[in-house]
Amino acid sequence: MSGPKKRTRRAGDRGQVAVEYLGFLPILLLLALVGVQMGLAAYAAQQAGTAARVAARTATHDGTDMSPKRAGEEAVSDWLDVDVRVARPWGGDEVEARATVRIPSVIPGFSPGDVARTATLPAD
């Protein structure tokens, strides 16, 4: 009975795995960038909601030192671009604040756009 046969390497097979890995590396990097981009979009949406709630809450209280627009802008991380608008629709007893945050891009040539959130609170 003979033992298992030894595999012999051909001279052309050396380094094949390294070359295949280098070919797959750009795909892995793109997937990582897409994951980071999705995380940034979710974070921007969360920050827009926070800014809208803070602006609406500030607009409903009298005697605050800061304007509702500024309070909403201050509630967001410094590295995000935010636009806050506060209004009393139809002069009613509610305050509506809308915050729009530009989603930062980590993928070259890709512009993910903006995310907006609205908060409505009863006026005092």
PDB file of N, CA and C in Angstrom:
ATOM      1  N   MET A   1       0.834  -1.164   0.000  1.00  0.00           N
ATOM      2  CA  MET A   1       0.000   0.000   0.000  1.00  0.00           C
ATOM      3  C   MET A   1       0.890   1.241   0.000  1.00  0.00           C
ATOM      4  N   SER A   2       0.548   2.152  -0.807  1.00  0.00           N
ATOM      5  CA  SER A   2       1.378   3.348  -0.877  1.00  0.00           C
ATOM      6  C   SER A   2       0.746   4.458  -0.052  1.00  0.00           C
ATOM      7  N   GLY A   3       1.563   5.356   0.492  1.00  0.00           N
ATOM      8  CA  GLY A   3       1.112   6.473   1.312  1.00  0.00           C
ATOM      9  C   GLY A   3       0.531   7.578   0.439  1.00  0.00           C
ATOM     10  N   PRO A   4       0.065   8.627   1.108  1.00  0.00           N
ATOM     11  CA  PRO A   4      -0.485   9.742   0.337  1.00  0.00           C
ATOM     12  C   PRO A   4       0.584  10.376  -0.545  1.00  0.00           C
ATOM     13  N   LYS A   5       0.142  10.762  -1.689  1.00  0.00           N
ATOM     14  CA  LYS A   5       1.084  11.364  -2.628  1.00  0.00           C
ATOM     15  C   LYS A   5       1.355  12.803  -2.220  1.00  0.00           C
ATOM     16  N   LYS A   6       2.585  13.180  -2.357  1.00  0.00           N
ATOM     17  CA  LYS A   6       2.977  14.558  -2.070  1.00  0.00           C
ATOM     18  C   LYS A   6       2.632  15.435  -3.248  1.00  0.00           C
ATOM     19  N   ARG A   7       2.069  16.585  -2.914  1.00  0.00           N
ATOM     20  CA  ARG A   7       1.764  17.539  -3.976  1.00  0.00           C
ATOM     21  C   ARG A   7       3.024  18.328  -4.287  1.00  0.00           C
ATOM     22  N   THR A   8       3.247  18.483  -5.486  1.00  0.00           N
ATOM     23  CA  THR A   8       4.389  19.299  -5.882  1.00  0.00           C
ATOM     24  C   THR A   8       3.859  20.589  -6.478  1.00  0.00           C
ATOM     25  N   ARG A   9       4.505  21.648  -6.112  1.00  0.00           N
ATOM     26  CA  ARG A   9       4.094  22.959  -6.625  1.00  0.00           C
ATOM     27  C   ARG A   9       4.718  23.198  -7.981  1.00  0.00           C
ATOM     28  N   ARG A  10       3.896  23.797  -8.784  1.00  0.00           N
ATOM     29  CA  ARG A  10       4.440  24.213 -10.066  1.00  0.00           C
ATOM     30  C   ARG A  10       5.088  25.574  -9.872  1.00  0.00           C
ATOM     31  N   ALA A  11       6.043  25.884 -10.626  1.00  0.00           N
ATOM     32  CA  ALA A  11       6.782  27.136 -10.475  1.00  0.00           C
ATOM     33  C   ALA A  11       5.889  28.350 -10.721  1.00  0.00           C
ATOM     34  N   GLY A  12       4.870  28.242 -11.547  1.00  0.00           N
ATOM     35  CA  GLY A  12       4.010  29.374 -11.872  1.00  0.00           C
ATOM     36  C   GLY A  12       2.970  29.682 -10.800  1.00  0.00           C
ATOM     37  N   ASP A  13       2.804  28.814  -9.782  1.00  0.00           N
ATOM     38  CA  ASP A  13       1.786  29.012  -8.750  1.00  0.00           C
ATOM     39  C   ASP A  13       2.261  29.865  -7.586  1.00  0.00           C
ATOM     40  N   ARG A  14       3.513  30.145  -7.500  1.00  0.00           N
ATOM     41  CA  ARG A  14       4.023  30.922  -6.365  1.00  0.00           C
ATOM     42  C   ARG A  14       3.450  32.331  -6.379  1.00  0.00           C
ATOM     43  N   GLY A  15       2.899  32.763  -5.245  1.00  0.00           N
ATOM     44  CA  GLY A  15       2.374  34.113  -5.123  1.00  0.00           C
ATOM     45  C   GLY A  15       0.977  34.304  -5.689  1.00  0.00           C
ATOM     46  N   GLN A  16       0.314  33.222  -6.067  1.00  0.00           N
ATOM     47  CA  GLN A  16      -1.009  33.341  -6.662  1.00  0.00           C
ATOM     48  C   GLN A  16      -2.016  33.921  -5.672  1.00  0.00           C
ATOM     49  N   VAL A  17      -1.964  33.497  -4.418  1.00  0.00           N
ATOM     50  CA  VAL A  17      -2.908  33.988  -3.413  1.00  0.00           C
ATOM     51  C   VAL A  17      -2.706  35.485  -3.185  1.00  0.00           C
ATOM     52  N   ALA A  18      -1.476  35.936  -3.162  1.00  0.00           N
ATOM     53  CA  ALA A  18      -1.210  37.359  -2.960  1.00  0.00           C
ATOM     54  C   ALA A  18      -1.779  38.190  -4.107  1.00  0.00           C
ATOM     55  N   VAL A  19      -1.666  37.713  -5.313  1.00  0.00           N
ATOM     56  CA  VAL A  19      -2.196  38.437  -6.465  1.00  0.00           C
ATOM     57  C   VAL A  19      -3.720  38.460  -6.419  1.00  0.00           C
ATOM     58  N   GLU A  20      -4.349  37.344  -6.038  1.00  0.00           N
ATOM     59  CA  GLU A  20      -5.808  37.306  -5.924  1.00  0.00           C
ATOM     60  C   GLU A  20      -6.283  38.256  -4.822  1.00  0.00           C
ATOM     61  N   TYR A  21      -5.546  38.318  -3.730  1.00  0.00           N
ATOM     62  CA  TYR A  21      -5.917  39.211  -2.632  1.00  0.00           C
ATOM     63  C   TYR A  21      -5.814  40.672  -3.068  1.00  0.00           C
ATOM     64  N   LEU A  22      -4.777  41.008  -3.805  1.00  0.00           N
ATOM     65  CA  LEU A  22      -4.633  42.378  -4.296  1.00  0.00           C
ATOM     66  C   LEU A  22      -5.759  42.748  -5.259  1.00  0.00           C
ATOM     67  N   GLY A  23      -6.253  41.794  -6.006  1.00  0.00           N
ATOM     68  CA  GLY A  23      -7.367  42.063  -6.901  1.00  0.00           C
ATOM     69  C   GLY A  23      -8.676  42.263  -6.154  1.00  0.00           C
ATOM     70  N   PHE A  24      -8.814  41.624  -4.995  1.00  0.00           N
ATOM     71  CA  PHE A  24     -10.036  41.714  -4.200  1.00  0.00           C
ATOM     72  C   PHE A  24     -10.010  42.899  -3.238  1.00  0.00           C
ATOM     73  N   LEU A  25      -8.840  43.446  -2.967  1.00  0.00           N
ATOM     74  CA  LEU A  25      -8.688  44.538  -2.007  1.00  0.00           C
ATOM     75  C   LEU A  25      -9.508  45.787  -2.357  1.00  0.00           C
ATOM     76  N   PRO A  26      -9.568  46.249  -3.597  1.00  0.00           N
ATOM     77  CA  PRO A  26     -10.406  47.423  -3.897  1.00  0.00           C
ATOM     78  C   PRO A  26     -11.887  47.202  -3.570  1.00  0.00           C
ATOM     79  N   ILE A  27     -12.374  45.991  -3.772  1.00  0.00           N
ATOM     80  CA  ILE A  27     -13.772  45.694  -3.439  1.00  0.00           C
ATOM     81  C   ILE A  27     -13.980  45.781  -1.933  1.00  0.00           C
ATOM     82  N   LEU A  28     -13.050  45.257  -1.157  1.00  0.00           N
ATOM     83  CA  LEU A  28     -13.153  45.341   0.301  1.00  0.00           C
ATOM     84  C   LEU A  28     -13.109  46.788   0.778  1.00  0.00           C
ATOM     85  N   LEU A  29     -12.237  47.591   0.189  1.00  0.00           N
ATOM     86  CA  LEU A  29     -12.157  49.004   0.563  1.00  0.00           C
ATOM     87  C   LEU A  29     -13.439  49.755   0.209  1.00  0.00           C
ATOM     88  N   LEU A  30     -14.012  49.466  -0.940  1.00  0.00           N
ATOM     89  CA  LEU A  30     -15.267  50.109  -1.333  1.00  0.00           C
ATOM     90  C   LEU A  30     -16.397  49.732  -0.373  1.00  0.00           C
ATOM     91  N   LEU A  31     -16.467  48.463   0.017  1.00  0.00           N
ATOM     92  CA  LEU A  31     -17.487  48.038   0.980  1.00  0.00           C
ATOM     93  C   LEU A  31     -17.300  48.738   2.324  1.00  0.00           C
ATOM     94  N   ALA A  32     -16.061  48.909   2.745  1.00  0.00           N
ATOM     95  CA  ALA A  32     -15.800  49.619   4.004  1.00  0.00           C
ATOM     96  C   ALA A  32     -16.240  51.078   3.898  1.00  0.00           C
ATOM     97  N   LEU A  33     -15.942  51.727   2.780  1.00  0.00           N
ATOM     98  CA  LEU A  33     -16.359  53.119   2.588  1.00  0.00           C
ATOM     99  C   LEU A  33     -17.880  53.253   2.560  1.00  0.00           C
ATOM    100  N   VAL A  34     -18.557  52.308   1.936  1.00  0.00           N
ATOM    101  CA  VAL A  34     -20.026  52.333   1.908  1.00  0.00           C
ATOM    102  C   VAL A  34     -20.578  52.181   3.321  1.00  0.00           C
ATOM    103  N   GLY A  35     -19.976  51.302   4.119  1.00  0.00           N
ATOM    104  CA  GLY A  35     -20.410  51.140   5.507  1.00  0.00           C
ATOM    105  C   GLY A  35     -20.222  52.410   6.321  1.00  0.00           C
ATOM    106  N   VAL A  36     -19.080  53.060   6.155  1.00  0.00           N
ATOM    107  CA  VAL A  36     -18.828  54.318   6.865  1.00  0.00           C
ATOM    108  C   VAL A  36     -19.800  55.392   6.390  1.00  0.00           C
ATOM    109  N   GLN A  37     -20.076  55.432   5.078  1.00  0.00           N
ATOM    110  CA  GLN A  37     -21.007  56.421   4.534  1.00  0.00           C
ATOM    111  C   GLN A  37     -22.409  56.228   5.103  1.00  0.00           C
ATOM    112  N   MET A  38     -22.836  54.988   5.237  1.00  0.00           N
ATOM    113  CA  MET A  38     -24.154  54.720   5.816  1.00  0.00           C
ATOM    114  C   MET A  38     -24.198  55.147   7.283  1.00  0.00           C
ATOM    115  N   GLY A  39     -23.111  54.928   7.995  1.00  0.00           N
ATOM    116  CA  GLY A  39     -23.043  55.374   9.384  1.00  0.00           C
ATOM    117  C   GLY A  39     -23.108  56.887   9.501  1.00  0.00           C
ATOM    118  N   LEU A  40     -22.422  57.588   8.610  1.00  0.00           N
ATOM    119  CA  LEU A  40     -22.475  59.056   8.610  1.00  0.00           C
ATOM    120  C   LEU A  40     -23.876  59.568   8.288  1.00  0.00           C
ATOM    121  N   ALA A  41     -24.568  58.895   7.382  1.00  0.00           N
ATOM    122  CA  ALA A  41     -25.935  59.306   7.044  1.00  0.00           C
ATOM    123  C   ALA A  41     -26.857  59.123   8.249  1.00  0.00           C
ATOM    124  N   ALA A  42     -26.714  58.013   8.951  1.00  0.00           N
ATOM    125  CA  ALA A  42     -27.539  57.782  10.143  1.00  0.00           C
ATOM    126  C   ALA A  42     -27.218  58.799  11.233  1.00  0.00           C
ATOM    127  N   TYR A  43     -25.939  59.115  11.400  1.00  0.00           N
ATOM    128  CA  TYR A  43     -25.541  60.095  12.413  1.00  0.00           C
ATOM    129  C   TYR A  43     -26.080  61.482  12.069  1.00  0.00           C
ATOM    130  N   ALA A  44     -26.024  61.849  10.789  1.00  0.00           N
ATOM    131  CA  ALA A  44     -26.550  63.153  10.366  1.00  0.00           C
ATOM    132  C   ALA A  44     -28.054  63.234  10.609  1.00  0.00           C
ATOM    133  N   ALA A  45     -28.772  62.145  10.361  1.00  0.00           N
ATOM    134  CA  ALA A  45     -30.218  62.134  10.612  1.00  0.00           C
ATOM    135  C   ALA A  45     -30.512  62.287  12.100  1.00  0.00           C
ATOM    136  N   GLN A  46     -29.731  61.624  12.933  1.00  0.00           N
ATOM    137  CA  GLN A  46     -29.921  61.740  14.382  1.00  0.00           C
ATOM    138  C   GLN A  46     -29.635  63.160  14.847  1.00  0.00           C
ATOM    139  N   GLN A  47     -28.590  63.768  14.319  1.00  0.00           N
ATOM    140  CA  GLN A  47     -28.236  65.132  14.697  1.00  0.00           C
ATOM    141  C   GLN A  47     -29.292  66.135  14.218  1.00  0.00           C
ATOM    142  N   ALA A  48     -29.884  65.897  13.056  1.00  0.00           N
ATOM    143  CA  ALA A  48     -30.950  66.777  12.565  1.00  0.00           C
ATOM    144  C   ALA A  48     -32.160  66.710  13.491  1.00  0.00           C
ATOM    145  N   GLY A  49     -32.498  65.521  13.957  1.00  0.00           N
ATOM    146  CA  GLY A  49     -33.605  65.384  14.900  1.00  0.00           C
ATOM    147  C   GLY A  49     -33.337  66.092  16.206  1.00  0.00           C
ATOM    148  N   THR A  50     -32.114  65.978  16.694  1.00  0.00           N
ATOM    149  CA  THR A  50     -31.739  66.668  17.931  1.00  0.00           C
ATOM    150  C   THR A  50     -31.833  68.177  17.760  1.00  0.00           C
ATOM    151  N   ALA A  51     -31.314  68.696  16.653  1.00  0.00           N
ATOM    152  CA  ALA A  51     -31.356  70.145  16.410  1.00  0.00           C
ATOM    153  C   ALA A  51     -32.788  70.647  16.321  1.00  0.00           C
ATOM    154  N   ALA A  52     -33.662  69.903  15.656  1.00  0.00           N
ATOM    155  CA  ALA A  52     -35.060  70.326  15.523  1.00  0.00           C
ATOM    156  C   ALA A  52     -35.757  70.340  16.881  1.00  0.00           C
ATOM    157  N   ARG A  53     -35.530  69.311  17.697  1.00  0.00           N
ATOM    158  CA  ARG A  53     -36.163  69.268  19.021  1.00  0.00           C
ATOM    159  C   ARG A  53     -35.668  70.395  19.918  1.00  0.00           C
ATOM    160  N   VAL A  54     -34.360  70.642  19.920  1.00  0.00           N
ATOM    161  CA  VAL A  54     -33.805  71.708  20.765  1.00  0.00           C
ATOM    162  C   VAL A  54     -34.326  73.071  20.320  1.00  0.00           C
ATOM    163  N   ALA A  55     -34.374  73.306  19.023  1.00  0.00           N
ATOM    164  CA  ALA A  55     -34.871  74.594  18.520  1.00  0.00           C
ATOM    165  C   ALA A  55     -36.343  74.787  18.880  1.00  0.00           C
ATOM    166  N   ALA A  56     -37.147  73.746  18.727  1.00  0.00           N
ATOM    167  CA  ALA A  56     -38.571  73.858  19.061  1.00  0.00           C
ATOM    168  C   ALA A  56     -38.761  74.065  20.561  1.00  0.00           C
ATOM    169  N   ARG A  57     -37.993  73.350  21.367  1.00  0.00           N
ATOM    170  CA  ARG A  57     -38.097  73.499  22.824  1.00  0.00           C
ATOM    171  C   ARG A  57     -37.690  74.904  23.257  1.00  0.00           C
ATOM    172  N   THR A  58     -36.629  75.434  22.666  1.00  0.00           N
ATOM    173  CA  THR A  58     -36.173  76.785  23.007  1.00  0.00           C
ATOM    174  C   THR A  58     -37.206  77.827  22.584  1.00  0.00           C
ATOM    175  N   ALA A  59     -37.863  77.605  21.453  1.00  0.00           N
ATOM    176  CA  ALA A  59     -38.862  78.563  20.970  1.00  0.00           C
ATOM    177  C   ALA A  59     -40.103  78.585  21.857  1.00  0.00           C
ATOM    178  N   THR A  60     -40.375  77.502  22.568  1.00  0.00           N
ATOM    179  CA  THR A  60     -41.578  77.462  23.408  1.00  0.00           C
ATOM    180  C   THR A  60     -41.362  78.091  24.771  1.00  0.00           C
ATOM    181  N   HIS A  61     -40.123  78.323  25.166  1.00  0.00           N
ATOM    182  CA  HIS A  61     -39.837  78.895  26.486  1.00  0.00           C
ATOM    183  C   HIS A  61     -39.503  80.378  26.364  1.00  0.00           C
ATOM    184  N   ASP A  62     -40.055  81.153  27.260  1.00  0.00           N
ATOM    185  CA  ASP A  62     -39.735  82.581  27.315  1.00  0.00           C
ATOM    186  C   ASP A  62     -38.511  82.785  28.199  1.00  0.00           C
ATOM    187  N   GLY A  63     -37.809  83.858  27.958  1.00  0.00           N
ATOM    188  CA  GLY A  63     -36.688  84.220  28.821  1.00  0.00           C
ATOM    189  C   GLY A  63     -35.402  83.463  28.551  1.00  0.00           C
ATOM    190  N   THR A  64     -35.264  82.856  27.395  1.00  0.00           N
ATOM    191  CA  THR A  64     -34.008  82.183  27.079  1.00  0.00           C
ATOM    192  C   THR A  64     -33.030  83.189  26.484  1.00  0.00           C
ATOM    193  N   ASP A  65     -31.765  83.001  26.775  1.00  0.00           N
ATOM    194  CA  ASP A  65     -30.728  83.916  26.298  1.00  0.00           C
ATOM    195  C   ASP A  65     -30.365  83.687  24.831  1.00  0.00           C
ATOM    196  N   MET A  66     -30.709  82.528  24.304  1.00  0.00           N
ATOM    197  CA  MET A  66     -30.285  82.159  22.961  1.00  0.00           C
ATOM    198  C   MET A  66     -31.507  82.042  22.047  1.00  0.00           C
ATOM    199  N   SER A  67     -31.345  82.437  20.800  1.00  0.00           N
ATOM    200  CA  SER A  67     -32.446  82.296  19.842  1.00  0.00           C
ATOM    201  C   SER A  67     -32.660  80.808  19.536  1.00  0.00           C
ATOM    202  N   PRO A  68     -33.872  80.413  19.169  1.00  0.00           N
ATOM    203  CA  PRO A  68     -34.124  79.006  18.847  1.00  0.00           C
ATOM    204  C   PRO A  68     -33.250  78.495  17.703  1.00  0.00           C
ATOM    205  N   LYS A  69     -33.027  79.328  16.692  1.00  0.00           N
ATOM    206  CA  LYS A  69     -32.176  78.926  15.566  1.00  0.00           C
ATOM    207  C   LYS A  69     -30.765  78.620  16.041  1.00  0.00           C
ATOM    208  N   ARG A  70     -30.222  79.515  16.840  1.00  0.00           N
ATOM    209  CA  ARG A  70     -28.858  79.319  17.350  1.00  0.00           C
ATOM    210  C   ARG A  70     -28.785  78.115  18.283  1.00  0.00           C
ATOM    211  N   ALA A  71     -29.804  77.916  19.108  1.00  0.00           N
ATOM    212  CA  ALA A  71     -29.814  76.764  20.015  1.00  0.00           C
ATOM    213  C   ALA A  71     -29.799  75.456  19.228  1.00  0.00           C
ATOM    214  N   GLY A  72     -30.574  75.402  18.142  1.00  0.00           N
ATOM    215  CA  GLY A  72     -30.570  74.207  17.304  1.00  0.00           C
ATOM    216  C   GLY A  72     -29.231  73.973  16.638  1.00  0.00           C
ATOM    217  N   GLU A  73     -28.600  75.057  16.181  1.00  0.00           N
ATOM    218  CA  GLU A  73     -27.285  74.928  15.545  1.00  0.00           C
ATOM    219  C   GLU A  73     -26.222  74.503  16.544  1.00  0.00           C
ATOM    220  N   GLU A  74     -26.314  74.992  17.774  1.00  0.00           N
ATOM    221  CA  GLU A  74     -25.339  74.638  18.809  1.00  0.00           C
ATOM    222  C   GLU A  74     -25.493  73.189  19.269  1.00  0.00           C
ATOM    223  N   ALA A  75     -26.666  72.595  19.062  1.00  0.00           N
ATOM    224  CA  ALA A  75     -26.914  71.222  19.509  1.00  0.00           C
ATOM    225  C   ALA A  75     -26.277  70.179  18.593  1.00  0.00           C
ATOM    226  N   VAL A  76     -25.779  70.617  17.442  1.00  0.00           N
ATOM    227  CA  VAL A  76     -25.215  69.706  16.446  1.00  0.00           C
ATOM    228  C   VAL A  76     -23.694  69.736  16.531  1.00  0.00           C
ATOM    229  N   SER A  77     -23.056  68.619  16.197  1.00  0.00           N
ATOM    230  CA  SER A  77     -21.595  68.557  16.161  1.00  0.00           C
ATOM    231  C   SER A  77     -21.042  69.655  15.264  1.00  0.00           C
ATOM    232  N   ASP A  78     -19.899  70.195  15.654  1.00  0.00           N
ATOM    233  CA  ASP A  78     -19.307  71.331  14.941  1.00  0.00           C
ATOM    234  C   ASP A  78     -18.954  71.026  13.490  1.00  0.00           C
ATOM    235  N   TRP A  79     -18.619  69.788  13.177  1.00  0.00           N
ATOM    236  CA  TRP A  79     -18.156  69.454  11.837  1.00  0.00           C
ATOM    237  C   TRP A  79     -19.298  69.185  10.853  1.00  0.00           C
ATOM    238  N   LEU A  80     -20.547  69.306  11.310  1.00  0.00           N
ATOM    239  CA  LEU A  80     -21.692  69.133  10.418  1.00  0.00           C
ATOM    240  C   LEU A  80     -22.260  70.489  10.011  1.00  0.00           C
ATOM    241  N   ASP A  81     -22.737  70.578   8.782  1.00  0.00           N
ATOM    242  CA  ASP A  81     -23.356  71.796   8.261  1.00  0.00           C
ATOM    243  C   ASP A  81     -24.865  71.686   8.469  1.00  0.00           C
ATOM    244  N   VAL A  82     -25.428  72.594   9.292  1.00  0.00           N
ATOM    245  CA  VAL A  82     -26.846  72.513   9.648  1.00  0.00           C
ATOM    246  C   VAL A  82     -27.548  73.832   9.346  1.00  0.00           C
ATOM    247  N   ASP A  83     -28.811  73.725   8.945  1.00  0.00           N
ATOM    248  CA  ASP A  83     -29.666  74.890   8.746  1.00  0.00           C
ATOM    249  C   ASP A  83     -30.940  74.650   9.551  1.00  0.00           C
ATOM    250  N   VAL A  84     -31.259  75.573  10.453  1.00  0.00           N
ATOM    251  CA  VAL A  84     -32.433  75.437  11.323  1.00  0.00           C
ATOM    252  C   VAL A  84     -33.409  76.563  11.015  1.00  0.00           C
ATOM    253  N   ARG A  85     -34.677  76.213  10.862  1.00  0.00           N
ATOM    254  CA  ARG A  85     -35.745  77.195  10.639  1.00  0.00           C
ATOM    255  C   ARG A  85     -36.857  76.932  11.649  1.00  0.00           C
ATOM    256  N   VAL A  86     -37.304  78.006  12.287  1.00  0.00           N
ATOM    257  CA  VAL A  86     -38.355  77.908  13.302  1.00  0.00           C
ATOM    258  C   VAL A  86     -39.517  78.796  12.879  1.00  0.00           C
ATOM    259  N   ALA A  87     -40.737  78.267  12.993  1.00  0.00           N
ATOM    260  CA  ALA A  87     -41.923  79.036  12.590  1.00  0.00           C
ATOM    261  C   ALA A  87     -43.118  78.639  13.453  1.00  0.00           C
ATOM    262  N   ARG A  88     -44.086  79.533  13.477  1.00  0.00           N
ATOM    263  CA  ARG A  88     -45.394  79.236  14.072  1.00  0.00           C
ATOM    264  C   ARG A  88     -46.381  79.181  12.922  1.00  0.00           C
ATOM    265  N   PRO A  89     -46.687  77.977  12.447  1.00  0.00           N
ATOM    266  CA  PRO A  89     -47.588  77.879  11.297  1.00  0.00           C
ATOM    267  C   PRO A  89     -48.963  78.462  11.609  1.00  0.00           C
ATOM    268  N   TRP A  90     -49.438  79.279  10.715  1.00  0.00           N
ATOM    269  CA  TRP A  90     -50.763  79.897  10.803  1.00  0.00           C
ATOM    270  C   TRP A  90     -50.951  80.682  12.099  1.00  0.00           C
ATOM    271  N   GLY A  91     -49.886  81.138  12.716  1.00  0.00           N
ATOM    272  CA  GLY A  91     -49.968  81.929  13.939  1.00  0.00           C
ATOM    273  C   GLY A  91     -50.615  81.180  15.084  1.00  0.00           C
ATOM    274  N   GLY A  92     -50.569  79.871  15.044  1.00  0.00           N
ATOM    275  CA  GLY A  92     -51.260  79.042  16.031  1.00  0.00           C
ATOM    276  C   GLY A  92     -50.508  78.876  17.332  1.00  0.00           C
ATOM    277  N   ASP A  93     -50.923  77.887  18.068  1.00  0.00           N
ATOM    278  CA  ASP A  93     -50.336  77.637  19.381  1.00  0.00           C
ATOM    279  C   ASP A  93     -49.311  76.506  19.342  1.00  0.00           C
ATOM    280  N   GLU A  94     -48.717  76.286  18.183  1.00  0.00           N
ATOM    281  CA  GLU A  94     -47.652  75.297  18.039  1.00  0.00           C
ATOM    282  C   GLU A  94     -46.423  75.950  17.419  1.00  0.00           C
ATOM    283  N   VAL A  95     -45.275  75.418  17.774  1.00  0.00           N
ATOM    284  CA  VAL A  95     -44.005  75.860  17.190  1.00  0.00           C
ATOM    285  C   VAL A  95     -43.449  74.697  16.382  1.00  0.00           C
ATOM    286  N   GLU A  96     -43.044  75.000  15.157  1.00  0.00           N
ATOM    287  CA  GLU A  96     -42.470  73.974  14.294  1.00  0.00           C
ATOM    288  C   GLU A  96     -41.029  74.343  13.960  1.00  0.00           C
ATOM    289  N   ALA A  97     -40.126  73.428  14.218  1.00  0.00           N
ATOM    290  CA  ALA A  97     -38.711  73.640  13.895  1.00  0.00           C
ATOM    291  C   ALA A  97     -38.277  72.569  12.901  1.00  0.00           C
ATOM    292  N   ARG A  98     -37.561  73.000  11.874  1.00  0.00           N
ATOM    293  CA  ARG A  98     -37.054  72.076  10.858  1.00  0.00           C
ATOM    294  C   ARG A  98     -35.545  72.250  10.765  1.00  0.00           C
ATOM    295  N   ALA A  99     -34.829  71.153  10.923  1.00  0.00           N
ATOM    296  CA  ALA A  99     -33.370  71.171  10.824  1.00  0.00           C
ATOM    297  C   ALA A  99     -32.946  70.330   9.625  1.00  0.00           C
ATOM    298  N   THR A 100     -32.073  70.897   8.812  1.00  0.00           N
ATOM    299  CA  THR A 100     -31.540  70.205   7.645  1.00  0.00           C
ATOM    300  C   THR A 100     -30.030  70.093   7.810  1.00  0.00           C
ATOM    301  N   VAL A 101     -29.519  68.872   7.713  1.00  0.00           N
ATOM    302  CA  VAL A 101     -28.082  68.613   7.872  1.00  0.00           C
ATOM    303  C   VAL A 101     -27.554  68.017   6.575  1.00  0.00           C
ATOM    304  N   ARG A 102     -26.443  68.568   6.090  1.00  0.00           N
ATOM    305  CA  ARG A 102     -25.776  68.014   4.909  1.00  0.00           C
ATOM    306  C   ARG A 102     -24.981  66.781   5.341  1.00  0.00           C
ATOM    307  N   ILE A 103     -25.203  65.677   4.639  1.00  0.00           N
ATOM    308  CA  ILE A 103     -24.500  64.432   4.959  1.00  0.00           C
ATOM    309  C   ILE A 103     -23.088  64.517   4.391  1.00  0.00           C
ATOM    310  N   PRO A 104     -22.060  64.368   5.241  1.00  0.00           N
ATOM    311  CA  PRO A 104     -20.685  64.398   4.731  1.00  0.00           C
ATOM    312  C   PRO A 104     -20.403  63.168   3.859  1.00  0.00           C
ATOM    313  N   SER A 105     -19.526  63.328   2.890  1.00  0.00           N
ATOM    314  CA  SER A 105     -19.200  62.239   1.976  1.00  0.00           C
ATOM    315  C   SER A 105     -17.780  61.737   2.209  1.00  0.00           C
ATOM    316  N   VAL A 106     -17.626  60.413   2.238  1.00  0.00           N
ATOM    317  CA  VAL A 106     -16.294  59.811   2.319  1.00  0.00           C
ATOM    318  C   VAL A 106     -15.935  59.117   1.010  1.00  0.00           C
ATOM    319  N   ILE A 107     -16.910  59.005   0.112  1.00  0.00           N
ATOM    320  CA  ILE A 107     -16.675  58.365  -1.172  1.00  0.00           C
ATOM    321  C   ILE A 107     -16.432  59.464  -2.208  1.00  0.00           C
ATOM    322  N   PRO A 108     -15.265  59.480  -2.842  1.00  0.00           N
ATOM    323  CA  PRO A 108     -14.950  60.527  -3.814  1.00  0.00           C
ATOM    324  C   PRO A 108     -15.958  60.561  -4.965  1.00  0.00           C
ATOM    325  N   GLY A 109     -16.411  61.770  -5.296  1.00  0.00           N
ATOM    326  CA  GLY A 109     -17.340  61.944  -6.399  1.00  0.00           C
ATOM    327  C   GLY A 109     -18.784  61.616  -6.074  1.00  0.00           C
ATOM    328  N   PHE A 110     -19.089  61.327  -4.827  1.00  0.00           N
ATOM    329  CA  PHE A 110     -20.450  60.962  -4.422  1.00  0.00           C
ATOM    330  C   PHE A 110     -20.992  62.017  -3.476  1.00  0.00           C
ATOM    331  N   SER A 111     -22.153  62.568  -3.797  1.00  0.00           N
ATOM    332  CA  SER A 111     -22.794  63.561  -2.940  1.00  0.00           C
ATOM    333  C   SER A 111     -24.082  62.963  -2.378  1.00  0.00           C
ATOM    334  N   PRO A 112     -24.088  62.588  -1.095  1.00  0.00           N
ATOM    335  CA  PRO A 112     -25.261  61.917  -0.532  1.00  0.00           C
ATOM    336  C   PRO A 112     -26.455  62.831  -0.288  1.00  0.00           C
ATOM    337  N   GLY A 113     -26.262  64.144  -0.294  1.00  0.00           N
ATOM    338  CA  GLY A 113     -27.381  65.067  -0.125  1.00  0.00           C
ATOM    339  C   GLY A 113     -27.591  65.504   1.311  1.00  0.00           C
ATOM    340  N   ASP A 114     -28.835  65.856   1.615  1.00  0.00           N
ATOM    341  CA  ASP A 114     -29.198  66.383   2.932  1.00  0.00           C
ATOM    342  C   ASP A 114     -30.212  65.464   3.595  1.00  0.00           C
ATOM    343  N   VAL A 115     -30.318  65.612   4.906  1.00  0.00           N
ATOM    344  CA  VAL A 115     -31.356  64.931   5.668  1.00  0.00           C
ATOM    345  C   VAL A 115     -32.046  65.987   6.529  1.00  0.00           C
ATOM    346  N   ALA A 116     -33.367  65.922   6.605  1.00  0.00           N
ATOM    347  CA  ALA A 116     -34.129  66.929   7.351  1.00  0.00           C
ATOM    348  C   ALA A 116     -35.055  66.250   8.352  1.00  0.00           C
ATOM    349  N   ARG A 117     -35.210  66.886   9.491  1.00  0.00           N
ATOM    350  CA  ARG A 117     -36.132  66.418  10.524  1.00  0.00           C
ATOM    351  C   ARG A 117     -36.935  67.612  11.022  1.00  0.00           C
ATOM    352  N   THR A 118     -38.175  67.353  11.419  1.00  0.00           N
ATOM    353  CA  THR A 118     -39.069  68.395  11.910  1.00  0.00           C
ATOM    354  C   THR A 118     -39.566  68.019  13.296  1.00  0.00           C
ATOM    355  N   ALA A 119     -39.652  69.011  14.166  1.00  0.00           N
ATOM    356  CA  ALA A 119     -40.215  68.823  15.506  1.00  0.00           C
ATOM    357  C   ALA A 119     -41.296  69.873  15.723  1.00  0.00           C
ATOM    358  N   THR A 120     -42.428  69.446  16.260  1.00  0.00           N
ATOM    359  CA  THR A 120     -43.535  70.354  16.552  1.00  0.00           C
ATOM    360  C   THR A 120     -43.894  70.225  18.022  1.00  0.00           C
ATOM    361  N   LEU A 121     -43.896  71.355  18.724  1.00  0.00           N
ATOM    362  CA  LEU A 121     -44.231  71.375  20.146  1.00  0.00           C
ATOM    363  C   LEU A 121     -45.294  72.433  20.403  1.00  0.00           C
ATOM    364  N   PRO A 122     -46.119  72.232  21.429  1.00  0.00           N
ATOM    365  CA  PRO A 122     -47.102  73.262  21.770  1.00  0.00           C
ATOM    366  C   PRO A 122     -46.414  74.486  22.355  1.00  0.00           C
ATOM    367  N   ALA A 123     -46.865  75.661  21.959  1.00  0.00           N
ATOM    368  CA  ALA A 123     -46.290  76.910  22.474  1.00  0.00           C
ATOM    369  C   ALA A 123     -46.855  77.185  23.858  1.00  0.00           C
ATOM    370  N   ASP A 124     -46.053  77.817  24.694  1.00  0.00           N
ATOM    371  CA  ASP A 124     -46.512  78.162  26.048  1.00  0.00           C
ATOM    372  C   ASP A 124     -47.467  79.318  26.023  1.00  0.00           C
TER     373      ASP A 124
END
